[in-house]
N, C-alpha and C. Protein backbone atom coordinates (compact mmCIF):
# COMPACT_ATOMS: atom_id res chain seq x y z
N MET A 1 -88.89 -13.53 36.81
CA MET A 1 -89.86 -14.53 36.41
C MET A 1 -89.38 -15.90 36.90
N THR A 2 -90.27 -16.64 37.52
CA THR A 2 -89.95 -17.95 38.06
C THR A 2 -89.85 -18.98 36.95
N SER A 3 -88.83 -19.80 37.02
CA SER A 3 -88.66 -20.90 36.08
C SER A 3 -89.01 -22.19 36.80
N TYR A 4 -89.78 -23.03 36.14
CA TYR A 4 -90.21 -24.31 36.71
C TYR A 4 -89.42 -25.45 36.08
N ASN A 5 -89.15 -26.46 36.88
CA ASN A 5 -88.53 -27.68 36.38
C ASN A 5 -89.66 -28.56 35.81
N VAL A 6 -89.55 -28.94 34.55
CA VAL A 6 -90.58 -29.75 33.91
C VAL A 6 -90.19 -31.22 34.01
N ILE A 7 -91.09 -32.00 34.58
CA ILE A 7 -90.88 -33.44 34.74
C ILE A 7 -91.89 -34.17 33.86
N ILE A 8 -91.37 -35.04 33.00
CA ILE A 8 -92.24 -35.86 32.16
C ILE A 8 -92.29 -37.24 32.81
N THR A 9 -93.47 -37.65 33.24
CA THR A 9 -93.60 -38.94 33.90
C THR A 9 -93.35 -40.08 32.93
N LYS A 10 -93.09 -41.26 33.49
CA LYS A 10 -92.90 -42.45 32.67
C LYS A 10 -94.13 -42.68 31.79
N GLN A 11 -95.30 -42.49 32.36
CA GLN A 11 -96.55 -42.67 31.62
C GLN A 11 -96.63 -41.74 30.41
N ALA A 12 -96.26 -40.48 30.58
CA ALA A 12 -96.28 -39.52 29.47
C ALA A 12 -95.24 -39.90 28.42
N ARG A 13 -94.10 -40.41 28.85
CA ARG A 13 -93.07 -40.86 27.89
C ARG A 13 -93.59 -42.03 27.06
N VAL A 14 -94.33 -42.93 27.72
CA VAL A 14 -94.93 -44.06 26.99
C VAL A 14 -95.94 -43.54 25.97
N HIS A 15 -96.72 -42.52 26.35
CA HIS A 15 -97.68 -41.92 25.41
C HIS A 15 -96.95 -41.35 24.19
N LEU A 16 -95.86 -40.63 24.42
CA LEU A 16 -95.09 -40.05 23.32
C LEU A 16 -94.53 -41.14 22.40
N GLN A 17 -94.04 -42.21 22.99
CA GLN A 17 -93.53 -43.32 22.18
C GLN A 17 -94.64 -43.94 21.35
N GLY A 18 -95.82 -44.09 21.95
CA GLY A 18 -96.96 -44.64 21.23
C GLY A 18 -97.40 -43.77 20.07
N ILE A 19 -97.38 -42.47 20.28
CA ILE A 19 -97.73 -41.52 19.20
C ILE A 19 -96.73 -41.64 18.06
N ARG A 20 -95.45 -41.68 18.42
CA ARG A 20 -94.40 -41.80 17.40
C ARG A 20 -94.58 -43.09 16.59
N LYS A 21 -94.79 -44.20 17.28
CA LYS A 21 -94.97 -45.48 16.59
C LYS A 21 -96.22 -45.48 15.72
N TYR A 22 -97.30 -44.91 16.24
CA TYR A 22 -98.56 -44.89 15.49
C TYR A 22 -98.40 -44.12 14.17
N VAL A 23 -97.83 -42.93 14.26
CA VAL A 23 -97.67 -42.11 13.05
C VAL A 23 -96.67 -42.77 12.10
N THR A 24 -95.62 -43.36 12.64
CA THR A 24 -94.60 -44.00 11.81
C THR A 24 -95.15 -45.22 11.08
N PHE A 25 -95.84 -46.10 11.80
CA PHE A 25 -96.22 -47.39 11.22
C PHE A 25 -97.62 -47.42 10.63
N VAL A 26 -98.57 -46.70 11.20
CA VAL A 26 -99.93 -46.70 10.64
C VAL A 26 -100.00 -45.77 9.43
N PHE A 27 -99.47 -44.58 9.60
CA PHE A 27 -99.50 -43.62 8.49
C PHE A 27 -98.28 -43.72 7.59
N LYS A 28 -97.30 -44.50 8.03
CA LYS A 28 -96.05 -44.68 7.28
C LYS A 28 -95.39 -43.33 6.99
N GLU A 29 -95.33 -42.52 8.05
CA GLU A 29 -94.76 -41.17 7.97
C GLU A 29 -93.72 -40.96 9.07
N PRO A 30 -92.57 -41.61 8.97
CA PRO A 30 -91.57 -41.46 10.04
C PRO A 30 -91.08 -40.03 10.23
N GLU A 31 -90.96 -39.28 9.15
CA GLU A 31 -90.51 -37.88 9.27
C GLU A 31 -91.57 -37.04 9.99
N SER A 32 -92.82 -37.25 9.65
CA SER A 32 -93.91 -36.55 10.34
C SER A 32 -93.94 -36.91 11.81
N ALA A 33 -93.69 -38.18 12.11
CA ALA A 33 -93.66 -38.63 13.50
C ALA A 33 -92.55 -37.92 14.27
N ARG A 34 -91.38 -37.83 13.68
CA ARG A 34 -90.26 -37.13 14.35
C ARG A 34 -90.60 -35.66 14.58
N ASN A 35 -91.17 -35.03 13.58
CA ASN A 35 -91.53 -33.61 13.71
C ASN A 35 -92.60 -33.40 14.77
N LEU A 36 -93.58 -34.29 14.82
CA LEU A 36 -94.65 -34.18 15.82
C LEU A 36 -94.10 -34.34 17.23
N ILE A 37 -93.25 -35.33 17.43
CA ILE A 37 -92.67 -35.55 18.76
C ILE A 37 -91.78 -34.37 19.14
N LYS A 38 -91.05 -33.85 18.19
CA LYS A 38 -90.22 -32.66 18.46
C LYS A 38 -91.09 -31.49 18.89
N LEU A 39 -92.20 -31.26 18.19
CA LEU A 39 -93.12 -30.18 18.54
C LEU A 39 -93.73 -30.40 19.93
N LEU A 40 -94.19 -31.61 20.21
CA LEU A 40 -94.78 -31.90 21.52
C LEU A 40 -93.76 -31.67 22.64
N LYS A 41 -92.53 -32.10 22.44
CA LYS A 41 -91.49 -31.90 23.46
C LYS A 41 -91.16 -30.41 23.63
N GLN A 42 -91.16 -29.65 22.54
CA GLN A 42 -90.93 -28.21 22.65
C GLN A 42 -92.03 -27.55 23.47
N GLU A 43 -93.27 -27.94 23.20
CA GLU A 43 -94.41 -27.37 23.92
C GLU A 43 -94.39 -27.79 25.39
N ILE A 44 -93.96 -29.00 25.66
CA ILE A 44 -93.82 -29.45 27.05
C ILE A 44 -92.75 -28.61 27.73
N SER A 45 -91.63 -28.40 27.07
CA SER A 45 -90.55 -27.58 27.64
C SER A 45 -91.00 -26.15 27.90
N SER A 46 -91.90 -25.64 27.06
CA SER A 46 -92.37 -24.26 27.23
C SER A 46 -93.15 -24.07 28.53
N LEU A 47 -93.56 -25.17 29.14
CA LEU A 47 -94.28 -25.08 30.41
C LEU A 47 -93.38 -24.65 31.56
N SER A 48 -92.09 -24.54 31.32
CA SER A 48 -91.17 -24.11 32.37
C SER A 48 -91.35 -22.63 32.72
N TYR A 49 -91.98 -21.88 31.83
CA TYR A 49 -92.25 -20.46 32.10
C TYR A 49 -93.74 -20.19 32.07
N MET A 50 -94.22 -19.60 33.14
CA MET A 50 -95.61 -19.20 33.28
C MET A 50 -96.60 -20.33 32.95
N PRO A 51 -96.47 -21.49 33.58
CA PRO A 51 -97.39 -22.58 33.28
C PRO A 51 -98.83 -22.26 33.69
N GLU A 52 -99.00 -21.28 34.57
CA GLU A 52 -100.34 -20.89 35.02
C GLU A 52 -101.16 -20.26 33.90
N ARG A 53 -100.51 -19.89 32.80
CA ARG A 53 -101.21 -19.28 31.68
C ARG A 53 -102.15 -20.27 31.00
N ILE A 54 -101.92 -21.55 31.24
CA ILE A 54 -102.74 -22.61 30.64
C ILE A 54 -103.92 -22.88 31.58
N ARG A 55 -105.10 -22.96 30.98
CA ARG A 55 -106.31 -23.09 31.80
C ARG A 55 -106.44 -24.48 32.42
N LEU A 56 -107.23 -24.53 33.47
CA LEU A 56 -107.54 -25.80 34.13
C LEU A 56 -108.42 -26.65 33.23
N VAL A 57 -108.39 -27.96 33.45
CA VAL A 57 -109.27 -28.86 32.71
C VAL A 57 -110.71 -28.59 33.13
N ASP A 58 -111.67 -28.99 32.30
CA ASP A 58 -113.09 -28.82 32.62
C ASP A 58 -113.61 -29.96 33.49
N GLU A 59 -113.04 -31.14 33.33
CA GLU A 59 -113.54 -32.34 33.97
C GLU A 59 -113.24 -32.35 35.47
N GLU A 60 -114.22 -32.76 36.24
CA GLU A 60 -114.04 -32.96 37.67
C GLU A 60 -113.81 -34.44 37.93
N PRO A 61 -113.06 -34.79 38.94
CA PRO A 61 -112.50 -33.97 40.01
C PRO A 61 -111.15 -33.36 39.68
N TRP A 62 -110.67 -33.57 38.46
CA TRP A 62 -109.33 -33.12 38.09
C TRP A 62 -109.19 -31.61 38.11
N ARG A 63 -110.26 -30.91 37.77
CA ARG A 63 -110.22 -29.44 37.81
C ARG A 63 -109.96 -28.94 39.23
N SER A 64 -110.69 -29.50 40.18
CA SER A 64 -110.53 -29.09 41.58
C SER A 64 -109.14 -29.43 42.12
N LEU A 65 -108.51 -30.43 41.53
CA LEU A 65 -107.17 -30.83 41.95
C LEU A 65 -106.07 -29.99 41.29
N GLY A 66 -106.47 -29.12 40.35
CA GLY A 66 -105.51 -28.21 39.74
C GLY A 66 -104.85 -28.70 38.46
N PHE A 67 -105.44 -29.70 37.83
CA PHE A 67 -104.84 -30.22 36.60
C PHE A 67 -105.18 -29.32 35.41
N ARG A 68 -104.22 -29.21 34.52
CA ARG A 68 -104.34 -28.34 33.36
C ARG A 68 -104.07 -29.13 32.10
N LYS A 69 -104.52 -28.55 30.96
CA LYS A 69 -104.20 -29.19 29.69
C LYS A 69 -103.87 -28.14 28.65
N LYS A 70 -102.86 -28.48 27.88
CA LYS A 70 -102.41 -27.61 26.80
C LYS A 70 -102.69 -28.33 25.49
N THR A 71 -103.29 -27.63 24.55
CA THR A 71 -103.58 -28.22 23.25
C THR A 71 -102.42 -27.97 22.30
N VAL A 72 -101.96 -29.05 21.68
CA VAL A 72 -100.90 -28.98 20.68
C VAL A 72 -101.35 -29.85 19.51
N GLY A 73 -101.78 -29.20 18.43
CA GLY A 73 -102.28 -29.96 17.29
C GLY A 73 -103.47 -30.80 17.69
N ASN A 74 -103.36 -32.10 17.47
CA ASN A 74 -104.44 -33.03 17.81
C ASN A 74 -104.25 -33.70 19.16
N TYR A 75 -103.46 -33.08 20.03
CA TYR A 75 -103.14 -33.70 21.32
C TYR A 75 -103.36 -32.72 22.47
N PHE A 76 -103.70 -33.30 23.61
CA PHE A 76 -103.76 -32.56 24.87
C PHE A 76 -102.57 -33.03 25.71
N ILE A 77 -101.87 -32.07 26.28
CA ILE A 77 -100.81 -32.36 27.24
C ILE A 77 -101.38 -32.05 28.62
N TYR A 78 -101.50 -33.07 29.46
CA TYR A 78 -102.05 -32.90 30.81
C TYR A 78 -100.91 -32.74 31.81
N PHE A 79 -101.05 -31.74 32.69
CA PHE A 79 -100.00 -31.49 33.68
C PHE A 79 -100.55 -30.86 34.94
N TRP A 80 -99.71 -30.83 35.96
CA TRP A 80 -100.03 -30.25 37.26
C TRP A 80 -98.85 -29.42 37.71
N ILE A 81 -99.13 -28.30 38.35
CA ILE A 81 -98.09 -27.39 38.81
C ILE A 81 -97.92 -27.53 40.32
N ASN A 82 -96.69 -27.76 40.75
CA ASN A 82 -96.35 -27.77 42.17
C ASN A 82 -95.55 -26.49 42.42
N THR A 83 -96.23 -25.45 42.89
CA THR A 83 -95.57 -24.16 43.08
C THR A 83 -94.55 -24.20 44.21
N ASP A 84 -94.78 -25.02 45.24
CA ASP A 84 -93.83 -25.11 46.35
C ASP A 84 -92.46 -25.61 45.89
N LYS A 85 -92.48 -26.59 44.98
CA LYS A 85 -91.23 -27.16 44.48
C LYS A 85 -90.80 -26.56 43.14
N GLN A 86 -91.61 -25.63 42.62
CA GLN A 86 -91.37 -25.02 41.31
C GLN A 86 -91.20 -26.10 40.23
N GLN A 87 -92.21 -27.00 40.21
CA GLN A 87 -92.20 -28.10 39.24
C GLN A 87 -93.49 -28.13 38.44
N VAL A 88 -93.37 -28.57 37.22
CA VAL A 88 -94.50 -28.89 36.37
C VAL A 88 -94.37 -30.37 36.06
N LYS A 89 -95.40 -31.13 36.39
CA LYS A 89 -95.37 -32.58 36.18
C LYS A 89 -96.33 -32.92 35.05
N VAL A 90 -95.79 -33.43 33.94
CA VAL A 90 -96.59 -33.82 32.78
C VAL A 90 -96.99 -35.28 32.96
N PHE A 91 -98.32 -35.51 32.97
CA PHE A 91 -98.83 -36.86 33.23
C PHE A 91 -99.23 -37.62 31.97
N ALA A 92 -99.66 -36.91 30.95
CA ALA A 92 -100.21 -37.61 29.79
C ALA A 92 -100.19 -36.74 28.55
N VAL A 93 -100.15 -37.41 27.40
CA VAL A 93 -100.30 -36.77 26.10
C VAL A 93 -101.33 -37.62 25.36
N ILE A 94 -102.52 -37.05 25.15
CA ILE A 94 -103.67 -37.82 24.66
C ILE A 94 -104.28 -37.16 23.43
N ASN A 95 -104.64 -37.96 22.45
CA ASN A 95 -105.29 -37.48 21.24
C ASN A 95 -106.62 -36.82 21.61
N VAL A 96 -106.92 -35.68 21.00
CA VAL A 96 -108.12 -34.92 21.33
C VAL A 96 -109.41 -35.66 20.97
N LYS A 97 -109.33 -36.63 20.06
CA LYS A 97 -110.53 -37.34 19.63
C LYS A 97 -110.95 -38.44 20.61
N MET A 98 -110.10 -38.74 21.56
CA MET A 98 -110.43 -39.77 22.54
C MET A 98 -111.37 -39.21 23.60
N ASP A 99 -112.08 -40.09 24.27
CA ASP A 99 -112.95 -39.71 25.39
C ASP A 99 -112.05 -39.26 26.54
N GLN A 100 -111.99 -37.95 26.75
CA GLN A 100 -111.04 -37.40 27.71
C GLN A 100 -111.33 -37.82 29.14
N THR A 101 -112.59 -37.88 29.53
CA THR A 101 -112.93 -38.30 30.89
C THR A 101 -112.45 -39.72 31.13
N GLN A 102 -112.69 -40.60 30.18
CA GLN A 102 -112.23 -41.99 30.32
C GLN A 102 -110.71 -42.06 30.37
N GLN A 103 -110.05 -41.28 29.53
CA GLN A 103 -108.59 -41.27 29.52
C GLN A 103 -108.04 -40.75 30.84
N LEU A 104 -108.67 -39.71 31.40
CA LEU A 104 -108.22 -39.17 32.68
C LEU A 104 -108.38 -40.21 33.79
N LYS A 105 -109.41 -41.01 33.74
CA LYS A 105 -109.61 -42.07 34.73
C LYS A 105 -108.48 -43.09 34.68
N ASN A 106 -107.87 -43.26 33.51
CA ASN A 106 -106.81 -44.25 33.32
C ASN A 106 -105.43 -43.72 33.66
N ILE A 107 -105.32 -42.43 33.91
CA ILE A 107 -104.02 -41.81 34.16
C ILE A 107 -103.61 -42.03 35.61
N SER A 108 -102.35 -42.39 35.79
CA SER A 108 -101.77 -42.49 37.12
C SER A 108 -101.16 -41.13 37.47
N PHE A 109 -101.66 -40.52 38.52
CA PHE A 109 -101.17 -39.20 38.92
C PHE A 109 -100.16 -39.27 40.05
N GLY A 110 -99.68 -40.46 40.34
CA GLY A 110 -98.73 -40.63 41.42
C GLY A 110 -97.31 -40.33 41.04
């Protein structure tokens, strides 16, 4: 079984930090924030094996470009698989209640 190197982009790291801060300060739940970030990071790490099991996004043009999303609780983890380099690149972690098309337009895929 092929193992992929999972890369979390700077943008996705900023998203994770924002989620942690939001849960900590808005909901005043620092322990919940730590647990949520731990869960999200575990699920991101799980993409190192069989990332193709996760379906492509519905939105175009991202679907045609091969972008995928994994649902974890109230969040979508957006990523792309580079099979030549055996890499999974995580671009964003976005709350499911947000307008996904608009959020995808704001994501830097570089």
